[in-house]
């Protein structure tokens, strides 16, 4: 019978080496794993931060393009029953997946709510009107609002009913001061 060769990685002294998986940036944002800080070469950390900051600037344009595409697909979906909501859901899924990594956590949370609303609701385009409006406004703000303002925006979106708002209700308006009810 044929024996398989030993393929265990070994150190120069012949002792089996230990393979240590490096956690992803998304899991360790603060470079902390299991409560113990990771030690990383400061030069490598500096390069990582440089790359992420460049990508963050580029992501602002990507976010604008995504939101613009969502608005176009939403208009087509709103106009007729033939079009589906799948393109909107795919774009929202993309936004929610990476927005926080590039300094846009509120946009990611709004996109997450769009995905959840589309998963729960009927095939009615009006169910996400307010969410798309909020996402469009947040995408135009740099830096993106955070703290109490972001919580207020998300609470307002969570409080909205699944049906279309009546004409007497004011739309959701986002700026750096407050949300108008």
Protein backbone atom coordinates (compact mmCIF):
# COMPACT_ATOMS: atom_id res chain seq x y z
CA UNK A 1 0.00 0.00 0.00
CA UNK A 2 1.25 3.48 -0.91
CA UNK A 3 1.99 5.85 2.01
CA UNK A 4 1.24 9.58 1.71
CA UNK A 5 4.26 11.80 2.31
CA UNK A 6 4.37 14.01 5.42
CA UNK A 7 3.32 17.49 4.29
CA UNK A 8 3.31 19.15 7.69
CA UNK A 9 5.11 22.52 7.54
CA UNK A 10 8.25 22.37 9.64
CA UNK A 11 10.62 24.95 11.09
CA UNK A 12 14.34 24.85 10.22
CA UNK A 13 14.92 22.73 13.35
CA UNK A 14 12.45 20.10 12.14
CA UNK A 15 9.70 20.90 14.63
CA UNK A 16 6.22 21.16 13.09
CA UNK A 17 5.36 24.80 12.60
CA UNK A 18 2.15 26.42 13.73
CA UNK A 19 -0.10 28.06 11.16
CA UNK A 20 -1.79 31.09 12.68
CA UNK A 21 -4.73 32.51 10.71
CA UNK A 22 -4.70 36.30 10.55
CA UNK A 23 -8.16 37.75 11.19
CA UNK A 24 -9.63 40.02 8.54
CA UNK A 25 -9.74 43.80 8.94
CA UNK A 26 -13.55 43.64 9.02
CA UNK A 27 -13.41 41.39 12.10
CA UNK A 28 -10.76 43.30 13.96
CA UNK A 29 -11.29 46.96 13.03
CA UNK A 30 -9.46 47.89 16.25
CA UNK A 31 -6.82 45.18 15.71
CA UNK A 32 -8.07 43.24 18.71
CA UNK A 33 -8.71 39.52 18.60
CA UNK A 34 -9.99 37.52 21.57
CA UNK A 35 -9.37 40.42 23.93
CA UNK A 36 -5.63 40.52 23.32
CA UNK A 37 -4.20 43.26 21.08
CA UNK A 38 -2.54 42.08 17.89
CA UNK A 39 0.99 43.24 17.33
CA UNK A 40 1.54 44.57 13.87
CA UNK A 41 4.50 46.25 12.30
CA UNK A 42 3.73 50.01 12.41
CA UNK A 43 4.92 50.37 8.81
CA UNK A 44 2.41 47.75 7.66
CA UNK A 45 -0.34 49.35 9.73
CA UNK A 46 0.48 52.74 8.22
CA UNK A 47 0.28 51.32 4.69
CA UNK A 48 -3.04 49.65 5.46
CA UNK A 49 -4.44 52.92 6.77
CA UNK A 50 -3.17 54.77 3.67
CA UNK A 51 -4.82 52.26 1.34
CA UNK A 52 -8.12 52.30 3.26
CA UNK A 53 -8.19 56.13 3.27
CA UNK A 54 -7.66 56.22 -0.51
CA UNK A 55 -10.35 53.58 -1.01
CA UNK A 56 -12.64 55.52 1.33
CA UNK A 57 -12.38 58.58 -0.93
CA UNK A 58 -13.04 56.40 -3.97
CA UNK A 59 -15.95 54.72 -2.21
CA UNK A 60 -17.79 58.03 -1.91
CA UNK A 61 -18.03 58.12 -5.71
CA UNK A 62 -18.93 54.43 -5.83
CA UNK A 63 -21.71 55.08 -3.28
CA UNK A 64 -23.05 57.96 -5.38
CA UNK A 65 -23.09 55.70 -8.45
CA UNK A 66 -24.83 52.90 -6.54
CA UNK A 67 -27.49 55.23 -5.18
CA UNK A 68 -28.03 56.77 -8.63
CA UNK A 69 -28.48 53.29 -10.11
CA UNK A 70 -30.92 52.36 -7.33
CA UNK A 71 -32.99 55.48 -7.99
CA UNK A 72 -33.11 54.67 -11.73
CA UNK A 73 -34.15 51.06 -11.09
CA UNK A 74 -36.71 52.25 -8.54
CA UNK A 75 -38.26 54.66 -11.07
CA UNK A 76 -38.55 51.86 -13.64
CA UNK A 77 -39.98 49.49 -11.01
CA UNK A 78 -42.45 52.19 -9.89
CA UNK A 79 -43.56 52.83 -13.51
CA UNK A 80 -44.64 49.34 -14.37
CA UNK A 81 -45.29 45.87 -13.01
CA UNK A 82 -42.97 44.21 -15.53
CA UNK A 83 -39.69 45.20 -13.85
CA UNK A 84 -38.50 43.50 -10.71
CA UNK A 85 -36.93 44.75 -7.53
CA UNK A 86 -33.91 42.45 -7.79
CA UNK A 87 -31.47 45.09 -9.12
CA UNK A 88 -32.36 47.38 -6.19
CA UNK A 89 -31.89 44.55 -3.73
CA UNK A 90 -28.52 43.59 -5.23
CA UNK A 91 -27.21 47.16 -5.04
CA UNK A 92 -28.52 47.61 -1.47
CA UNK A 93 -26.82 44.34 -0.54
CA UNK A 94 -23.52 45.60 -1.99
CA UNK A 95 -23.80 48.88 -0.09
CA UNK A 96 -24.63 47.26 3.23
CA UNK A 97 -21.70 44.90 2.86
CA UNK A 98 -18.90 47.44 2.54
CA UNK A 99 -20.18 50.90 3.46
CA UNK A 100 -19.09 50.78 7.11
CA UNK A 101 -15.59 49.66 6.16
CA UNK A 102 -15.17 52.88 4.18
CA UNK A 103 -16.55 55.28 6.77
CA UNK A 104 -20.22 55.15 5.72
CA UNK A 105 -21.96 53.15 8.47
CA UNK A 106 -25.25 55.06 8.24
CA UNK A 107 -25.52 54.36 4.50
CA UNK A 108 -24.83 50.69 5.23
CA UNK A 109 -27.54 50.57 7.89
CA UNK A 110 -30.08 52.26 5.61
CA UNK A 111 -29.19 49.80 2.83
CA UNK A 112 -29.64 46.96 5.32
CA UNK A 113 -33.13 48.26 6.09
CA UNK A 114 -33.90 48.45 2.36
CA UNK A 115 -32.90 44.79 1.97
CA UNK A 116 -35.01 43.78 4.98
CA UNK A 117 -38.00 45.77 3.74
CA UNK A 118 -37.77 44.21 0.28
CA UNK A 119 -37.52 40.74 1.83
CA UNK A 120 -40.63 41.32 4.00
CA UNK A 121 -42.88 43.32 1.72
CA UNK A 122 -44.95 42.71 -1.34
CA UNK A 123 -43.80 43.71 -4.77
CA UNK A 124 -44.74 47.37 -4.14
CA UNK A 125 -42.12 49.98 -5.09
CA UNK A 126 -43.58 52.55 -2.69
CA UNK A 127 -42.44 50.49 0.33
CA UNK A 128 -38.90 51.82 0.06
CA UNK A 129 -39.47 55.41 -1.11
CA UNK A 130 -38.48 56.99 2.20
CA UNK A 131 -35.48 54.72 2.57
CA UNK A 132 -34.18 55.61 -0.88
CA UNK A 133 -34.68 59.31 -0.16
CA UNK A 134 -32.75 59.00 3.10
CA UNK A 135 -29.96 57.02 1.43
CA UNK A 136 -29.68 59.61 -1.35
CA UNK A 137 -29.39 62.43 1.18
CA UNK A 138 -26.88 60.58 3.37
CA UNK A 139 -24.72 59.76 0.34
CA UNK A 140 -24.48 63.48 -0.41
CA UNK A 141 -23.18 64.31 3.08
CA UNK A 142 -19.47 64.18 3.74
CA UNK A 143 -18.56 63.38 6.42
CA UNK A 144 -21.49 61.12 7.04
CA UNK A 145 -23.55 62.03 10.13
CA UNK A 146 -23.19 59.83 13.17
CA UNK A 147 -24.15 59.67 16.82
CA UNK A 148 -27.59 60.88 17.88
CA UNK A 149 -28.40 62.19 14.43
CA UNK A 150 -27.78 58.80 12.82
CA UNK A 151 -29.84 57.08 15.53
CA UNK A 152 -32.68 59.52 14.91
CA UNK A 153 -32.64 58.87 11.16
CA UNK A 154 -32.66 55.10 11.68
CA UNK A 155 -35.42 55.33 14.28
CA UNK A 156 -37.53 57.40 11.89
CA UNK A 157 -37.05 54.83 9.14
CA UNK A 158 -37.88 51.99 11.54
CA UNK A 159 -41.05 53.78 12.67
CA UNK A 160 -42.39 54.23 9.15
CA UNK A 161 -45.27 51.96 8.26
CA UNK A 162 -44.94 49.51 5.39
CA UNK A 163 -47.57 51.36 3.42
CA UNK A 164 -47.11 54.57 1.44
CA UNK A 165 -47.22 57.74 3.57
CA UNK A 166 -50.23 59.96 3.11
CA UNK A 167 -49.94 63.29 1.33
CA UNK A 168 -50.35 65.16 4.64
CA UNK A 169 -47.12 63.74 6.05
CA UNK A 170 -43.89 65.63 5.54
CA UNK A 171 -41.07 63.73 3.84
CA UNK A 172 -37.96 62.69 5.67
CA UNK A 173 -35.41 65.49 5.33
CA UNK A 174 -31.83 64.95 6.33
CA UNK A 175 -29.25 67.59 7.01
CA UNK A 176 -26.61 68.08 9.69
CA UNK A 177 -29.00 69.81 12.10
CA UNK A 178 -32.07 67.69 12.60
CA UNK A 179 -34.70 65.49 11.06
CA UNK A 180 -37.97 67.28 10.33
CA UNK A 181 -40.92 65.08 11.41
